[in-house]
């Protein structure tokens, strides 16, 4: 019997100046609900050029329509010199929802 291949959930976000300076980043709820079905509260964020950073996922509202990446977002944005117009791709594998990779597509 063949193993089921993993599914990769992805979304792309263009950052505003406010999002690069704020302590939290609003991530698309549709992406978060699919990528994090257990509604976990901590995720390890990895980037190809740096060390993993544990960040918090803050689910807001009774139906979780808003999900924020906090507890390390502001430091991540500063470390990679993100600015208005920076484009990021977020990826989470169905095999391990505890890890989210972020690719900086455009600075």
N, C-alpha and C. Protein backbone atom coordinates (compact mmCIF):
# COMPACT_ATOMS: atom_id res chain seq x y z
N UNK A 1 0.84 -1.18 0.00
CA UNK A 1 0.00 0.00 0.00
C UNK A 1 0.89 1.25 0.00
N UNK A 2 0.53 2.18 -0.78
CA UNK A 2 1.28 3.44 -0.91
C UNK A 2 0.87 4.45 0.13
N UNK A 3 1.86 5.16 0.65
CA UNK A 3 1.58 6.24 1.60
C UNK A 3 0.99 7.42 0.86
N UNK A 4 0.10 8.10 1.52
CA UNK A 4 -0.51 9.29 0.93
C UNK A 4 0.52 10.42 0.94
N UNK A 5 0.75 11.06 -0.21
CA UNK A 5 1.72 12.16 -0.24
C UNK A 5 1.22 13.35 0.59
N UNK A 6 2.14 14.10 1.16
CA UNK A 6 1.72 15.25 1.96
C UNK A 6 1.10 16.34 1.10
N UNK A 7 0.26 17.11 1.72
CA UNK A 7 -0.34 18.28 1.09
C UNK A 7 0.39 19.49 1.65
N UNK A 8 0.71 20.44 0.78
CA UNK A 8 1.36 21.67 1.24
C UNK A 8 0.36 22.82 1.11
N UNK A 9 0.07 23.44 2.24
CA UNK A 9 -0.81 24.60 2.26
C UNK A 9 0.06 25.84 2.12
N UNK A 10 -0.31 26.72 1.22
CA UNK A 10 0.50 27.91 0.95
C UNK A 10 -0.39 29.13 0.79
N UNK A 11 0.20 30.25 1.10
CA UNK A 11 -0.44 31.53 0.82
C UNK A 11 0.65 32.57 0.61
N UNK A 12 0.33 33.59 -0.15
CA UNK A 12 1.27 34.68 -0.42
C UNK A 12 0.67 35.96 0.15
N UNK A 13 1.53 36.77 0.77
CA UNK A 13 1.06 38.01 1.38
C UNK A 13 2.01 39.15 1.03
N UNK A 14 1.45 40.27 0.63
CA UNK A 14 2.21 41.50 0.40
C UNK A 14 2.06 42.34 1.65
N UNK A 15 3.19 42.70 2.24
CA UNK A 15 3.17 43.41 3.52
C UNK A 15 3.00 44.91 3.33
N UNK A 16 2.29 45.50 4.29
CA UNK A 16 2.19 46.96 4.36
C UNK A 16 3.26 47.45 5.34
N UNK A 17 3.51 48.73 5.34
CA UNK A 17 4.49 49.30 6.27
C UNK A 17 4.09 49.00 7.70
N UNK A 18 2.81 49.09 8.01
CA UNK A 18 2.31 48.81 9.35
C UNK A 18 2.64 47.37 9.77
N UNK A 19 2.46 46.42 8.85
CA UNK A 19 2.71 45.01 9.17
C UNK A 19 4.19 44.72 9.40
N UNK A 20 5.07 45.52 8.84
CA UNK A 20 6.50 45.28 9.04
C UNK A 20 6.99 45.86 10.37
N UNK A 21 6.23 46.76 10.96
CA UNK A 21 6.63 47.40 12.21
C UNK A 21 5.84 46.90 13.42
N UNK A 22 4.71 46.26 13.19
CA UNK A 22 3.82 45.83 14.26
C UNK A 22 4.33 44.53 14.90
N UNK A 23 3.88 44.25 16.09
CA UNK A 23 4.29 43.04 16.80
C UNK A 23 3.54 41.79 16.30
N UNK A 24 2.47 41.98 15.51
CA UNK A 24 1.67 40.86 15.05
C UNK A 24 1.38 40.99 13.56
N UNK A 25 1.22 39.84 12.91
CA UNK A 25 0.88 39.82 11.49
C UNK A 25 -0.40 39.02 11.32
N UNK A 26 -1.41 39.64 10.74
CA UNK A 26 -2.66 38.94 10.44
C UNK A 26 -2.41 38.02 9.25
N UNK A 27 -2.66 36.73 9.43
CA UNK A 27 -2.51 35.80 8.32
C UNK A 27 -3.89 35.37 7.86
N UNK A 28 -4.03 35.04 6.58
CA UNK A 28 -5.35 34.69 6.06
C UNK A 28 -5.98 33.52 6.83
N UNK A 29 -7.20 33.72 7.30
CA UNK A 29 -7.88 32.71 8.11
C UNK A 29 -8.09 31.41 7.33
N UNK A 30 -8.42 31.51 6.08
CA UNK A 30 -8.66 30.30 5.28
C UNK A 30 -7.40 29.43 5.23
N UNK A 31 -6.25 30.06 5.03
CA UNK A 31 -4.97 29.35 5.05
C UNK A 31 -4.72 28.73 6.42
N UNK A 32 -4.89 29.53 7.47
CA UNK A 32 -4.60 29.06 8.84
C UNK A 32 -5.50 27.89 9.23
N UNK A 33 -6.77 27.96 8.90
CA UNK A 33 -7.69 26.88 9.26
C UNK A 33 -7.32 25.57 8.57
N UNK A 34 -6.84 25.64 7.35
CA UNK A 34 -6.42 24.43 6.63
C UNK A 34 -5.06 23.94 7.09
N UNK A 35 -4.13 24.87 7.28
CA UNK A 35 -2.76 24.49 7.63
C UNK A 35 -2.63 24.03 9.08
N UNK A 36 -3.46 24.58 9.95
CA UNK A 36 -3.39 24.26 11.38
C UNK A 36 -4.73 23.74 11.89
N UNK A 37 -5.13 22.54 11.46
CA UNK A 37 -6.45 22.03 11.83
C UNK A 37 -6.64 21.83 13.34
N UNK A 38 -5.55 21.66 14.07
CA UNK A 38 -5.66 21.49 15.52
C UNK A 38 -5.76 22.83 16.24
N UNK A 39 -5.70 23.91 15.47
CA UNK A 39 -5.72 25.28 16.02
C UNK A 39 -4.62 25.46 17.07
N UNK A 40 -3.44 24.99 16.72
CA UNK A 40 -2.29 25.08 17.61
C UNK A 40 -2.01 26.53 17.98
N UNK A 41 -1.26 26.73 19.05
CA UNK A 41 -0.98 28.08 19.52
C UNK A 41 0.48 28.48 19.35
N UNK A 42 1.35 27.52 18.99
CA UNK A 42 2.76 27.80 18.74
C UNK A 42 3.17 27.12 17.45
N UNK A 43 3.96 27.81 16.66
CA UNK A 43 4.48 27.26 15.41
C UNK A 43 5.95 27.65 15.29
N UNK A 44 6.76 26.75 14.77
CA UNK A 44 8.16 27.05 14.53
C UNK A 44 8.28 27.60 13.12
N UNK A 45 8.76 28.83 13.00
CA UNK A 45 8.91 29.50 11.71
C UNK A 45 10.34 29.31 11.24
N UNK A 46 10.48 28.82 10.02
CA UNK A 46 11.82 28.61 9.46
C UNK A 46 11.97 29.42 8.19
N UNK A 47 13.19 29.90 8.00
CA UNK A 47 13.57 30.63 6.80
C UNK A 47 14.92 30.08 6.38
N UNK A 48 15.17 29.98 5.09
CA UNK A 48 16.39 29.36 4.57
C UNK A 48 17.67 30.01 5.10
N UNK A 49 17.63 31.30 5.41
CA UNK A 49 18.85 32.02 5.81
C UNK A 49 18.97 32.24 7.31
N UNK A 50 18.16 31.56 8.11
CA UNK A 50 18.24 31.85 9.53
C UNK A 50 17.86 30.69 10.41
N UNK A 51 17.93 30.94 11.69
CA UNK A 51 17.57 29.95 12.69
C UNK A 51 16.05 29.89 12.85
N UNK A 52 15.53 28.73 13.24
CA UNK A 52 14.08 28.63 13.49
C UNK A 52 13.68 29.53 14.66
N UNK A 53 12.48 30.09 14.58
CA UNK A 53 11.95 30.95 15.63
C UNK A 53 10.57 30.43 16.01
N UNK A 54 10.36 30.17 17.29
CA UNK A 54 9.02 29.80 17.76
C UNK A 54 8.18 31.06 17.88
N UNK A 55 7.01 31.04 17.23
CA UNK A 55 6.08 32.17 17.29
C UNK A 55 4.73 31.65 17.74
N UNK A 56 3.94 32.57 18.23
CA UNK A 56 2.61 32.22 18.69
C UNK A 56 1.59 32.45 17.58
N UNK A 57 0.59 31.59 17.55
CA UNK A 57 -0.58 31.80 16.70
C UNK A 57 -1.71 32.22 17.63
N UNK A 58 -2.25 33.39 17.40
CA UNK A 58 -3.35 33.88 18.24
C UNK A 58 -4.64 33.83 17.42
N UNK A 59 -5.53 32.95 17.83
CA UNK A 59 -6.82 32.78 17.16
C UNK A 59 -7.80 33.72 17.84
N UNK A 60 -8.42 34.58 17.05
CA UNK A 60 -9.30 35.59 17.62
C UNK A 60 -10.72 35.40 17.11
N UNK A 61 -11.65 35.48 18.00
CA UNK A 61 -13.05 35.35 17.64
C UNK A 61 -13.55 33.92 17.83
N UNK A 62 -14.83 33.80 18.07
CA UNK A 62 -15.41 32.49 18.35
C UNK A 62 -15.32 31.55 17.16
N UNK A 63 -15.35 32.09 15.95
CA UNK A 63 -15.24 31.23 14.76
C UNK A 63 -13.87 31.35 14.11
N UNK A 64 -12.91 31.93 14.81
CA UNK A 64 -11.51 32.03 14.37
C UNK A 64 -11.36 32.65 12.98
N UNK A 65 -12.07 33.75 12.75
CA UNK A 65 -11.95 34.44 11.47
C UNK A 65 -10.66 35.25 11.36
N UNK A 66 -10.01 35.50 12.48
CA UNK A 66 -8.76 36.24 12.47
C UNK A 66 -7.69 35.42 13.18
N UNK A 67 -6.53 35.29 12.53
CA UNK A 67 -5.42 34.55 13.11
C UNK A 67 -4.17 35.43 12.98
N UNK A 68 -3.49 35.65 14.10
CA UNK A 68 -2.32 36.51 14.13
C UNK A 68 -1.08 35.70 14.44
N UNK A 69 0.02 36.03 13.79
CA UNK A 69 1.33 35.48 14.08
C UNK A 69 2.00 36.50 15.00
N UNK A 70 2.30 36.11 16.24
CA UNK A 70 2.86 37.03 17.23
C UNK A 70 4.08 36.40 17.90
N UNK A 71 4.58 37.05 18.92
CA UNK A 71 5.66 36.49 19.73
C UNK A 71 6.91 36.17 18.93
N UNK A 72 7.37 37.11 18.17
CA UNK A 72 8.56 36.91 17.36
C UNK A 72 8.44 37.52 15.97
N UNK A 73 7.21 37.89 15.60
CA UNK A 73 7.02 38.46 14.27
C UNK A 73 7.81 39.75 14.08
N UNK A 74 7.74 40.67 15.04
CA UNK A 74 8.42 41.96 14.89
C UNK A 74 9.93 41.76 14.74
N UNK A 75 10.50 40.85 15.51
CA UNK A 75 11.94 40.57 15.41
C UNK A 75 12.27 39.94 14.05
N UNK A 76 11.41 39.05 13.57
CA UNK A 76 11.61 38.42 12.26
C UNK A 76 11.61 39.48 11.16
N UNK A 77 10.61 40.38 11.22
CA UNK A 77 10.51 41.44 10.21
C UNK A 77 11.74 42.34 10.22
N UNK A 78 12.24 42.65 11.40
CA UNK A 78 13.44 43.50 11.51
C UNK A 78 14.67 42.75 11.03
N UNK A 79 14.80 41.48 11.41
CA UNK A 79 15.97 40.67 11.05
C UNK A 79 16.14 40.57 9.53
N UNK A 80 15.03 40.43 8.82
CA UNK A 80 15.09 40.28 7.36
C UNK A 80 14.81 41.58 6.62
N UNK A 81 14.76 42.68 7.37
CA UNK A 81 14.58 44.02 6.80
C UNK A 81 13.35 44.08 5.87
N UNK A 82 12.25 43.53 6.35
CA UNK A 82 11.02 43.57 5.57
C UNK A 82 10.49 44.99 5.56
N UNK A 83 9.88 45.36 4.45
CA UNK A 83 9.36 46.72 4.32
C UNK A 83 8.07 46.72 3.53
N UNK A 84 7.49 47.88 3.37
CA UNK A 84 6.27 48.03 2.60
C UNK A 84 6.47 47.41 1.22
N UNK A 85 5.61 46.49 0.83
CA UNK A 85 5.70 45.86 -0.48
C UNK A 85 6.46 44.53 -0.48
N UNK A 86 7.09 44.16 0.65
CA UNK A 86 7.75 42.86 0.71
C UNK A 86 6.71 41.76 0.49
N UNK A 87 7.09 40.75 -0.27
CA UNK A 87 6.18 39.65 -0.58
C UNK A 87 6.70 38.38 0.08
N UNK A 88 5.83 37.74 0.87
CA UNK A 88 6.21 36.53 1.58
C UNK A 88 5.31 35.37 1.15
N UNK A 89 5.89 34.18 1.10
CA UNK A 89 5.12 32.96 0.86
C UNK A 89 5.21 32.11 2.12
N UNK A 90 4.06 31.70 2.63
CA UNK A 90 3.96 30.88 3.82
C UNK A 90 3.60 29.46 3.39
N UNK A 91 4.31 28.46 3.92
CA UNK A 91 4.06 27.05 3.58
C UNK A 91 3.99 26.21 4.85
N UNK A 92 3.01 25.30 4.88
CA UNK A 92 2.89 24.34 5.97
C UNK A 92 2.54 23.00 5.34
N UNK A 93 3.24 21.95 5.78
CA UNK A 93 2.98 20.60 5.29
C UNK A 93 1.92 19.92 6.14
N UNK A 94 1.09 19.12 5.51
CA UNK A 94 0.08 18.37 6.25
C UNK A 94 0.71 17.31 7.14
N UNK A 95 1.97 16.98 6.89
CA UNK A 95 2.68 15.98 7.69
C UNK A 95 3.06 16.53 9.06
N UNK A 96 3.41 17.83 9.13
CA UNK A 96 3.84 18.43 10.39
C UNK A 96 3.40 19.88 10.46
N UNK A 97 2.26 20.11 11.08
CA UNK A 97 1.72 21.46 11.17
C UNK A 97 2.43 22.32 12.20
N UNK A 98 3.44 21.79 12.87
CA UNK A 98 4.16 22.57 13.87
C UNK A 98 5.26 23.43 13.25
N UNK A 99 5.50 23.25 11.94
CA UNK A 99 6.55 24.00 11.25
C UNK A 99 5.95 24.77 10.08
N UNK A 100 6.25 26.07 10.01
CA UNK A 100 5.82 26.89 8.89
C UNK A 100 7.05 27.54 8.28
N UNK A 101 7.24 27.34 6.99
CA UNK A 101 8.38 27.99 6.33
C UNK A 101 7.89 29.28 5.68
N UNK A 102 8.75 30.28 5.75
CA UNK A 102 8.46 31.56 5.10
C UNK A 102 9.56 31.82 4.09
N UNK A 103 9.16 32.08 2.86
CA UNK A 103 10.08 32.43 1.79
C UNK A 103 9.85 33.89 1.45
N UNK A 104 10.92 34.67 1.41
CA UNK A 104 10.81 36.08 1.01
C UNK A 104 10.97 36.10 -0.51
N UNK A 105 9.88 36.41 -1.19
CA UNK A 105 9.88 36.41 -2.65
C UNK A 105 10.45 37.70 -3.20
N UNK A 106 10.10 38.80 -2.54
CA UNK A 106 10.51 40.12 -3.02
C UNK A 106 10.72 41.02 -1.81
N UNK A 107 11.83 41.72 -1.77
CA UNK A 107 12.10 42.67 -0.69
C UNK A 107 11.60 43.99 -1.15
